[in-house]
Amino acid sequence: MVPPSRTSLRTPSPIPPIETPIDQHREKRFPADMRHLKSREISDQREASALRDELDMLQEENDNILEKFRLAEVKSEEAEARVRELEKQVAALGEGVSLEARLLSRKEAALRQREAALKAAKQTKDGRDEEIIAIQQELESAKEEVANAVEQLREAESETKSLRSMTQRMVLTQEEMEEVVLKRCWLARYWGLAVQLGIYPETAAEKHEHWSSLAPLPFEVVLSAGQKAKEEPRKQGDNNSEGRNKLVHDMSDITGEGNIESMLLVEKGLRELASLKVEDAVVIALGQHRRPNFVRQSTSDLKSPGDPKFVEAFELNQEEAEDVLFKQAWLTYFWRRAKTHGVEKDIAEERLQFWISRSNQSPTSHDAVDVERGLMELRKLGIEQQLWEASRRDIEQKLPTDAEIS
C-alpha cells in the first residue's frame, strides 16, 4: 500500500501593527474643525484598539490552529507507522493463509478418504445390522420356546407329583404288602385243608390251586412272621427291617404285585372263606378226624382266653397242633403291629405278651380253644381295619399338599 501524500504546513508570519495616518493639514484647519477632528481621532483610536484586540484574538486562534496541526502531524506519523506494521502483518497473514490453505487441502483429502472408508463400513454395518436383527428375532423366538417349555415342564412336574401321590396311595407299603402275603397264606392253607378234608369239593381244589400259586409255603411263612414278631420289638414306621423285607421279598418274587388291588383281592377271598365258614368246618373236621365220637363245643360259646373248655386238657394230633401254632403266630403278628401303631393301647401289650408266652408251650386242647377266642376278639375289635387306617394316615402325612403340587 502507498502512504497518502502529506502537505507541509508553513508557519504564518505575524501581522504588523497598522499605523494610523496623521493628517498634516489637521492643525491648519479651523478650531471648529479641530474639535471634530479630535473626536474623530478618538473614534479612530477606539477602532484601532478594537482591531488590535481582534488581531490578538486571531493570533491566538492561529496559535491554537498551529498546535492542532502539530498534533495532527504527530498522529499522522503514528498512523503511518501503524500502516507499515499492518502491512507487515498482512504480508505475514498472507503467508499463514497460504499455509493454512495447504493444510486445509490435506485435511479435505483426508476427510474424503475417511468418508469413503465410512461409506464402505456403513455398507458392511448394514449387512451386519440385518444379521444382528435376524439373530435377535431368533433369540426372541428361542426365549418364547424356552418359556413355553418351562411352562410345559411345570405342568408336567405338577402332573407327575399328582400321579406320584395317586400312585403312592395305590401302592402298598412294605408292611401292608407283608399283610397281603400273610393273608394269601391263610387262604392257601385253609383251602388246602378243605381239599384234604373233603370240604366244598366242587370249589376247594380250584381255590387252593389259585392261592397256593401265590403262597406256596403258607405254614412256614406265617410261623416265620410270628417268630420275628416275638423276637424283634418294632418301632412305628419301621418298614425296612431285614426280616420283613425278606418275608415280602420271598412272596413278591412269586406274585410281582404290590398295589392296593392285591389287598382288595385277599380281602374278597377272606370274606368268601368266612361266608362259607370254611375255617369252622376245618376245625370241626380236624377234631372229628382225631376223635370221631367227640363233639367239640361251638366256638360261639367261648368265653375268654385261658378258660378250660373240658375237664382236662388233652394232646392234639399233628394237624390240630399245626393249626394252633399257625393261629398263635397270626395273633402274635397282629398284636405286635397293634402295639407298634398305638391301636388298642390299653390291651395291646397284654395280648402280645399272652400269645408270646403261649407259643412257647406245646399246644393242647385249651390252646385250641384260646386261639379261636383270640381270632374272634381280633375280628370284633377290627384290629386289621384299624391297622390299615393307621398305615394310610402315615402315607397321607408324607404326601405333598395341593399347594406344593401346584
Protein backbone atom coordinates (compact mmCIF):
# COMPACT_ATOMS: atom_id res chain seq x y z
CA MET A 1 0.00 0.00 0.00
CA VAL A 2 1.22 3.57 -0.87
CA PRO A 3 1.14 6.00 2.07
CA PRO A 4 -1.00 9.11 1.49
CA SER A 5 0.82 12.33 0.47
CA ARG A 6 1.43 14.73 3.30
CA THR A 7 1.24 18.53 2.73
CA SER A 8 3.82 20.50 4.74
CA LEU A 9 2.38 23.19 6.96
CA ARG A 10 4.09 26.66 6.92
CA THR A 11 4.04 28.88 9.96
CA PRO A 12 2.31 32.21 9.07
CA SER A 13 4.27 35.39 9.74
CA PRO A 14 2.91 37.85 12.32
CA ILE A 15 0.77 40.70 11.04
CA PRO A 16 2.48 44.10 11.62
CA PRO A 17 0.54 46.73 13.53
CA ILE A 18 -1.35 49.22 11.45
CA GLU A 19 -0.24 52.78 11.96
CA THR A 20 -2.85 55.43 11.92
CA PRO A 21 -2.10 58.12 9.34
CA ILE A 22 -1.65 61.62 10.71
CA ASP A 23 -3.28 64.37 8.87
CA GLN A 24 -0.65 67.12 8.40
CA HIS A 25 -3.23 69.56 7.50
CA ARG A 26 -5.20 68.99 10.65
CA GLU A 27 -3.59 71.85 12.51
CA LYS A 28 -4.28 74.17 9.74
CA ARG A 29 -7.98 73.72 9.96
CA PHE A 30 -10.28 75.81 11.83
CA PRO A 31 -10.78 75.49 15.54
CA ALA A 32 -14.25 74.22 14.92
CA ASP A 33 -12.89 71.53 12.83
CA MET A 34 -10.31 70.75 15.49
CA ARG A 35 -12.93 69.51 17.88
CA HIS A 36 -14.39 67.44 15.16
CA LEU A 37 -11.04 66.04 14.33
CA LYS A 38 -10.24 65.23 17.91
CA SER A 39 -13.44 63.33 18.32
CA ARG A 40 -12.75 61.55 15.11
CA GLU A 41 -9.25 60.74 16.29
CA ILE A 42 -10.60 59.31 19.48
CA SER A 43 -13.03 57.24 17.46
CA ASP A 44 -10.23 56.06 15.23
CA GLN A 45 -8.15 55.11 18.23
CA ARG A 46 -11.02 53.10 19.57
CA GLU A 47 -11.39 51.35 16.27
CA ALA A 48 -7.65 50.69 16.17
CA SER A 49 -7.77 49.34 19.70
CA ALA A 50 -10.67 47.09 18.71
CA LEU A 51 -8.79 45.95 15.65
CA ARG A 52 -5.74 45.21 17.76
CA ASP A 53 -7.88 43.17 20.15
CA GLU A 54 -9.38 41.32 17.23
CA LEU A 55 -5.92 40.81 15.82
CA ASP A 56 -4.75 39.38 19.14
CA MET A 57 -7.68 37.01 19.12
CA LEU A 58 -6.90 35.95 15.59
CA GLN A 59 -3.26 35.49 16.59
CA GLU A 60 -4.34 33.28 19.50
CA GLU A 61 -6.63 31.28 17.24
CA ASN A 62 -3.77 30.93 14.78
CA ASP A 63 -1.56 29.59 17.55
CA ASN A 64 -4.26 27.09 18.51
CA ILE A 65 -4.62 26.00 14.91
CA LEU A 66 -0.86 25.58 14.63
CA GLU A 67 -0.88 23.41 17.77
CA LYS A 68 -3.65 21.30 16.31
CA PHE A 69 -1.72 20.96 13.07
CA ARG A 70 1.32 19.86 15.02
CA LEU A 71 -0.71 17.24 16.91
CA ALA A 72 -2.28 16.10 13.64
CA GLU A 73 1.19 15.72 12.15
CA VAL A 74 2.26 13.56 15.12
CA LYS A 75 -0.85 11.41 14.75
CA SER A 76 -0.22 11.15 11.03
CA GLU A 77 3.27 9.85 11.68
CA GLU A 78 1.88 7.35 14.19
CA ALA A 79 -0.74 6.29 11.64
CA GLU A 80 1.96 5.78 9.01
CA ALA A 81 3.92 3.62 11.45
CA ARG A 82 0.73 1.66 12.21
CA VAL A 83 0.08 1.27 8.49
CA ARG A 84 3.55 -0.11 7.94
CA GLU A 85 3.06 -2.51 10.84
CA LEU A 86 -0.28 -3.59 9.41
CA GLU A 87 1.34 -4.11 6.02
CA LYS A 88 3.87 -6.42 7.64
CA GLN A 89 1.08 -8.27 9.48
CA VAL A 90 -0.94 -8.56 6.26
CA ALA A 91 2.08 -10.00 4.48
CA ALA A 92 2.66 -12.48 7.29
CA LEU A 93 -1.05 -13.25 7.33
CA GLY A 94 -0.96 -13.94 3.62
CA GLU A 95 1.82 -16.44 4.14
CA GLY A 96 -0.17 -18.03 7.03
CA VAL A 97 -3.30 -18.17 4.89
CA SER A 98 -1.37 -19.93 2.15
CA LEU A 99 -0.01 -22.46 4.66
CA GLU A 100 -3.45 -22.92 6.19
CA ALA A 101 -4.93 -23.38 2.73
CA ARG A 102 -2.44 -26.16 2.06
CA LEU A 103 -3.26 -27.75 5.42
CA LEU A 104 -6.96 -27.47 4.68
CA SER A 105 -6.41 -29.14 1.33
CA ARG A 106 -4.66 -32.00 3.05
CA LYS A 107 -7.42 -32.23 5.65
CA GLU A 108 -10.01 -32.20 2.89
CA ALA A 109 -8.25 -35.09 1.16
CA ALA A 110 -8.04 -37.00 4.45
CA LEU A 111 -11.73 -36.33 5.12
CA ARG A 112 -12.64 -37.62 1.67
CA GLN A 113 -10.67 -40.79 2.32
CA ARG A 114 -12.36 -41.17 5.68
CA GLU A 115 -15.75 -40.55 4.11
CA ALA A 116 -15.09 -43.31 1.59
CA ALA A 117 -13.99 -45.64 4.39
CA LEU A 118 -17.12 -44.77 6.39
CA LYS A 119 -19.34 -45.49 3.40
CA ALA A 120 -17.69 -48.88 2.97
CA ALA A 121 -18.01 -49.54 6.71
CA LYS A 122 -21.65 -48.47 6.64
CA GLN A 123 -22.40 -50.92 3.86
CA THR A 124 -20.72 -53.65 5.90
CA LYS A 125 -22.54 -52.46 9.04
CA ASP A 126 -25.88 -52.54 7.24
CA GLY A 127 -25.26 -56.17 6.40
CA ARG A 128 -24.25 -56.87 9.97
CA ASP A 129 -27.29 -54.99 11.29
CA GLU A 130 -29.55 -57.20 9.22
CA GLU A 131 -27.73 -60.25 10.54
CA ILE A 132 -28.00 -58.94 14.11
CA ILE A 133 -31.72 -58.26 13.65
CA ALA A 134 -32.21 -61.80 12.35
CA ILE A 135 -30.27 -63.21 15.32
CA GLN A 136 -32.32 -61.08 17.74
CA GLN A 137 -35.52 -62.38 16.19
CA GLU A 138 -34.26 -65.94 16.52
CA LEU A 139 -33.31 -65.18 20.13
CA GLU A 140 -36.78 -63.84 20.91
CA SER A 141 -38.31 -66.89 19.28
CA ALA A 142 -35.99 -69.12 21.31
CA LYS A 143 -36.97 -67.27 24.50
CA GLU A 144 -40.63 -67.86 23.75
CA GLU A 145 -39.94 -71.53 23.10
CA VAL A 146 -37.98 -71.77 26.35
CA ALA A 147 -40.82 -70.06 28.25
CA ASN A 148 -43.32 -72.47 26.71
CA ALA A 149 -41.05 -75.39 27.51
CA VAL A 150 -40.67 -74.20 31.12
CA GLU A 151 -44.43 -73.86 31.44
CA GLN A 152 -44.93 -77.32 29.99
CA LEU A 153 -42.25 -78.64 32.34
CA ARG A 154 -44.03 -77.11 35.33
CA GLU A 155 -47.31 -78.60 34.21
CA ALA A 156 -45.59 -81.95 33.70
CA GLU A 157 -43.98 -81.73 37.15
CA SER A 158 -47.32 -80.87 38.71
CA GLU A 159 -48.97 -83.74 36.87
CA THR A 160 -46.10 -86.04 37.85
CA LYS A 161 -46.47 -85.06 41.51
CA SER A 162 -50.20 -85.67 41.31
CA LEU A 163 -49.64 -89.04 39.68
CA ARG A 164 -46.95 -89.86 42.23
CA SER A 165 -49.34 -89.00 45.04
CA MET A 166 -52.04 -91.12 43.44
CA THR A 167 -49.54 -93.92 42.87
CA GLN A 168 -48.37 -93.76 46.46
CA ARG A 169 -51.97 -94.05 47.56
CA MET A 170 -52.44 -97.03 45.26
CA VAL A 171 -49.15 -98.76 46.08
CA LEU A 172 -48.96 -100.74 49.30
CA THR A 173 -46.34 -100.03 51.92
CA GLN A 174 -43.88 -102.73 52.91
CA GLU A 175 -45.93 -103.52 55.99
CA GLU A 176 -49.20 -103.63 54.04
CA MET A 177 -47.65 -105.94 51.46
CA GLU A 178 -46.48 -108.17 54.28
CA GLU A 179 -50.07 -108.38 55.49
CA VAL A 180 -51.22 -109.29 51.97
CA VAL A 181 -48.64 -112.09 51.89
CA LEU A 182 -49.83 -113.49 55.23
CA LYS A 183 -53.49 -113.36 54.21
CA ARG A 184 -52.68 -115.21 50.99
CA CYS A 185 -51.00 -117.82 53.19
CA TRP A 186 -54.18 -118.04 55.30
CA LEU A 187 -56.32 -118.59 52.19
CA ALA A 188 -53.89 -121.11 50.69
CA ARG A 189 -53.70 -123.10 53.97
CA TYR A 190 -57.42 -123.34 54.66
CA TRP A 191 -58.42 -124.10 51.09
CA GLY A 192 -55.70 -126.76 51.12
CA LEU A 193 -57.12 -128.27 54.34
CA ALA A 194 -60.60 -128.08 52.81
CA VAL A 195 -59.34 -130.18 49.89
CA GLN A 196 -57.75 -132.73 52.28
CA LEU A 197 -60.85 -132.95 54.48
CA GLY A 198 -63.37 -133.01 51.63
CA ILE A 199 -64.96 -129.66 52.44
CA TYR A 200 -66.61 -127.97 49.44
CA PRO A 201 -65.01 -130.41 47.00
CA GLU A 202 -66.60 -128.70 43.99
CA THR A 203 -64.73 -125.40 44.59
CA ALA A 204 -61.97 -126.11 47.13
CA ALA A 205 -59.47 -127.55 44.63
CA GLU A 206 -59.74 -124.56 42.31
CA LYS A 207 -59.42 -122.08 45.17
CA HIS A 208 -56.47 -123.95 46.64
CA GLU A 209 -54.69 -124.03 43.29
CA HIS A 210 -55.14 -120.28 42.88
CA TRP A 211 -53.99 -119.21 46.34
CA SER A 212 -51.22 -121.77 46.66
CA SER A 213 -49.74 -120.40 43.44
CA LEU A 214 -49.44 -117.06 45.25
CA ALA A 215 -48.36 -118.58 48.60
CA PRO A 216 -46.71 -121.97 48.09
CA LEU A 217 -45.44 -122.27 51.72
CA PRO A 218 -48.23 -120.77 53.84
CA PHE A 219 -47.50 -122.55 57.14
CA GLU A 220 -43.76 -121.76 57.15
CA VAL A 221 -44.24 -118.09 56.16
CA VAL A 222 -46.82 -117.35 58.89
CA LEU A 223 -44.75 -119.09 61.57
CA SER A 224 -41.71 -117.09 60.46
CA ALA A 225 -43.68 -113.83 60.75
CA GLY A 226 -44.90 -114.80 64.23
CA GLN A 227 -41.39 -115.71 65.35
CA LYS A 228 -40.00 -112.35 64.20
CA ALA A 229 -42.87 -110.56 65.95
CA LYS A 230 -41.83 -112.30 69.19
CA GLU A 231 -38.11 -111.68 68.87
CA GLU A 232 -37.87 -108.15 67.48
CA PRO A 233 -39.70 -105.22 69.09
CA ARG A 234 -40.75 -102.99 66.18
CA LYS A 235 -40.85 -99.25 66.06
CA GLN A 236 -43.71 -97.47 64.38
CA GLY A 237 -42.96 -96.84 60.72
CA ASP A 238 -40.10 -99.37 60.69
CA ASN A 239 -40.93 -100.87 57.32
CA ASN A 240 -37.38 -101.71 56.37
CA SER A 241 -36.45 -104.37 58.91
CA GLU A 242 -34.44 -107.20 57.46
CA GLY A 243 -36.92 -109.92 58.40
CA ARG A 244 -39.90 -108.09 56.95
CA ASN A 245 -38.06 -107.35 53.72
CA LYS A 246 -37.10 -110.99 53.40
CA LEU A 247 -40.65 -112.15 54.03
CA VAL A 248 -42.16 -109.81 51.45
CA HIS A 249 -39.32 -110.45 49.00
CA ASP A 250 -39.94 -114.19 49.15
CA MET A 251 -43.56 -113.69 48.11
CA SER A 252 -43.12 -110.74 45.72
CA ASP A 253 -40.73 -112.84 43.66
CA ILE A 254 -43.72 -115.07 43.00
CA THR A 255 -46.53 -112.52 42.67
CA GLY A 256 -44.73 -109.44 41.38
CA GLU A 257 -47.56 -107.34 42.86
CA GLY A 258 -47.61 -104.55 45.41
CA ASN A 259 -50.65 -102.41 44.67
CA ILE A 260 -53.89 -101.88 46.50
CA GLU A 261 -55.67 -104.31 44.18
CA SER A 262 -53.75 -107.14 45.85
CA MET A 263 -55.19 -106.16 49.23
CA LEU A 264 -58.71 -105.94 47.80
CA LEU A 265 -58.41 -109.41 46.28
CA VAL A 266 -57.26 -111.06 49.51
CA GLU A 267 -59.99 -109.28 51.49
CA LYS A 268 -62.53 -110.55 48.99
CA GLY A 269 -61.09 -114.07 49.36
CA LEU A 270 -61.24 -113.87 53.18
CA ARG A 271 -64.88 -112.73 53.10
CA GLU A 272 -65.72 -115.63 50.82
CA LEU A 273 -63.90 -118.03 53.16
CA ALA A 274 -65.78 -116.63 56.18
CA SER A 275 -69.16 -116.64 54.45
CA LEU A 276 -68.70 -120.33 53.64
CA LYS A 277 -67.48 -120.96 57.24
CA VAL A 278 -64.54 -122.94 55.87
CA GLU A 279 -62.34 -122.27 58.95
CA ASP A 280 -65.02 -123.58 61.35
CA ALA A 281 -65.59 -126.61 59.15
CA VAL A 282 -61.85 -127.35 59.10
CA VAL A 283 -61.58 -127.09 62.92
CA ILE A 284 -64.52 -129.44 63.40
CA ALA A 285 -63.25 -131.87 60.76
CA LEU A 286 -59.79 -132.00 62.36
CA GLY A 287 -61.34 -132.78 65.76
CA GLN A 288 -63.59 -135.45 64.32
CA HIS A 289 -60.68 -136.94 62.46
CA ARG A 290 -58.89 -137.42 65.78
CA ARG A 291 -61.96 -138.50 67.82
CA PRO A 292 -64.89 -139.37 65.59
CA ASN A 293 -67.32 -139.64 68.50
CA PHE A 294 -66.14 -136.43 70.23
CA VAL A 295 -68.26 -133.35 69.66
CA ARG A 296 -66.42 -130.05 70.15
CA GLN A 297 -68.10 -127.14 71.74
CA SER A 298 -69.06 -124.43 69.26
CA THR A 299 -66.63 -121.53 69.07
CA SER A 300 -69.53 -119.14 69.54
CA ASP A 301 -69.80 -120.32 73.16
CA LEU A 302 -66.19 -119.46 74.02
CA LYS A 303 -65.69 -117.01 76.86
CA SER A 304 -62.12 -115.77 77.41
CA PRO A 305 -58.55 -116.92 76.67
CA GLY A 306 -57.40 -119.46 79.19
CA ASP A 307 -60.84 -120.67 80.34
CA PRO A 308 -61.00 -124.50 80.41
CA LYS A 309 -63.34 -125.99 77.84
CA PHE A 310 -63.02 -129.55 79.07
CA VAL A 311 -62.44 -131.14 82.43
CA GLU A 312 -58.87 -131.99 81.43
CA ALA A 313 -56.63 -130.78 78.61
CA PHE A 314 -55.64 -133.39 76.07
CA GLU A 315 -52.97 -133.58 73.46
CA LEU A 316 -53.77 -132.61 69.89
CA ASN A 317 -52.91 -134.54 66.78
CA GLN A 318 -50.34 -133.14 64.36
CA GLU A 319 -52.84 -131.38 62.11
CA GLU A 320 -54.57 -129.74 65.10
CA ALA A 321 -51.26 -128.73 66.69
CA GLU A 322 -50.07 -127.15 63.45
CA ASP A 323 -53.35 -125.27 63.17
CA VAL A 324 -52.96 -123.91 66.71
CA LEU A 325 -49.34 -122.86 66.06
CA PHE A 326 -50.42 -121.23 62.80
CA LYS A 327 -53.10 -119.18 64.56
CA GLN A 328 -50.86 -118.29 67.52
CA ALA A 329 -48.26 -116.90 65.09
CA TRP A 330 -51.04 -114.99 63.32
CA LEU A 331 -52.28 -113.43 66.58
CA THR A 332 -48.74 -112.59 67.74
CA TYR A 333 -48.02 -110.83 64.46
CA PHE A 334 -51.15 -108.65 64.52
CA TRP A 335 -50.92 -107.72 68.20
CA ARG A 336 -47.28 -106.71 67.65
CA ARG A 337 -48.38 -104.36 64.85
CA ALA A 338 -51.25 -103.07 67.00
CA LYS A 339 -48.82 -102.15 69.77
CA THR A 340 -46.43 -100.51 67.29
CA HIS A 341 -49.14 -98.30 65.75
CA GLY A 342 -50.87 -97.47 69.03
CA VAL A 343 -54.02 -99.46 68.24
CA GLU A 344 -56.00 -100.59 71.33
CA LYS A 345 -53.27 -99.26 73.59
CA ASP A 346 -54.91 -100.45 76.81
CA ILE A 347 -54.78 -104.15 75.90
CA ALA A 348 -52.27 -104.47 73.03
CA GLU A 349 -49.23 -105.09 75.24
CA GLU A 350 -51.07 -107.61 77.42
CA ARG A 351 -52.38 -109.57 74.44
CA LEU A 352 -48.98 -109.59 72.77
CA GLN A 353 -47.25 -110.99 75.85
CA PHE A 354 -50.02 -113.55 76.32
CA TRP A 355 -49.62 -115.00 72.82
CA ILE A 356 -45.84 -114.93 73.03
CA SER A 357 -45.96 -116.95 76.26
CA ARG A 358 -48.48 -119.46 74.86
CA SER A 359 -46.44 -120.05 71.71
CA ASN A 360 -43.54 -121.32 73.82
CA GLN A 361 -45.61 -124.34 75.01
CA SER A 362 -46.77 -127.48 73.28
CA PRO A 363 -50.33 -126.94 72.03
CA THR A 364 -53.17 -128.55 73.96
CA SER A 365 -56.92 -128.55 73.66
CA HIS A 366 -57.02 -125.43 75.83
CA ASP A 367 -54.74 -123.66 73.34
CA ALA A 368 -57.06 -124.67 70.52
CA VAL A 369 -59.95 -123.02 72.33
CA ASP A 370 -57.87 -119.93 73.17
CA VAL A 371 -56.75 -119.27 69.58
CA GLU A 372 -60.35 -119.46 68.37
CA ARG A 373 -61.32 -116.99 71.05
CA GLY A 374 -58.36 -114.79 70.14
CA LEU A 375 -59.33 -114.72 66.46
CA MET A 376 -62.89 -113.80 67.40
CA GLU A 377 -61.60 -110.93 69.57
CA LEU A 378 -59.34 -109.74 66.74
CA ARG A 379 -62.31 -109.55 64.36
CA LYS A 380 -64.63 -107.99 66.94
CA LEU A 381 -62.17 -105.15 67.70
CA GLY A 382 -61.48 -104.62 63.99
CA ILE A 383 -57.71 -104.71 64.57
CA GLU A 384 -56.90 -105.32 60.91
CA GLN A 385 -59.09 -102.39 59.79
CA GLN A 386 -57.53 -100.08 62.38
CA LEU A 387 -54.04 -101.07 61.25
CA TRP A 388 -54.99 -100.33 57.64
CA GLU A 389 -56.32 -96.87 58.58
CA ALA A 390 -53.18 -96.07 60.61
CA SER A 391 -50.97 -97.08 57.68
CA ARG A 392 -52.99 -94.91 55.27
CA ARG A 393 -52.70 -91.92 57.63
CA ASP A 394 -48.93 -92.26 57.60
CA ILE A 395 -48.97 -92.20 53.80
CA GLU A 396 -51.22 -89.11 53.66
CA GLN A 397 -48.90 -87.23 56.02
CA LYS A 398 -45.94 -87.92 53.75
CA LEU A 399 -47.72 -86.87 50.55
CA PRO A 400 -47.28 -83.25 49.28
CA THR A 401 -50.18 -80.87 49.75
CA ASP A 402 -52.18 -79.41 46.85
CA ALA A 403 -50.29 -76.10 47.20
CA GLU A 404 -46.95 -77.89 46.93
CA ILE A 405 -48.13 -79.77 43.84
CA SER A 406 -49.32 -76.60 42.10
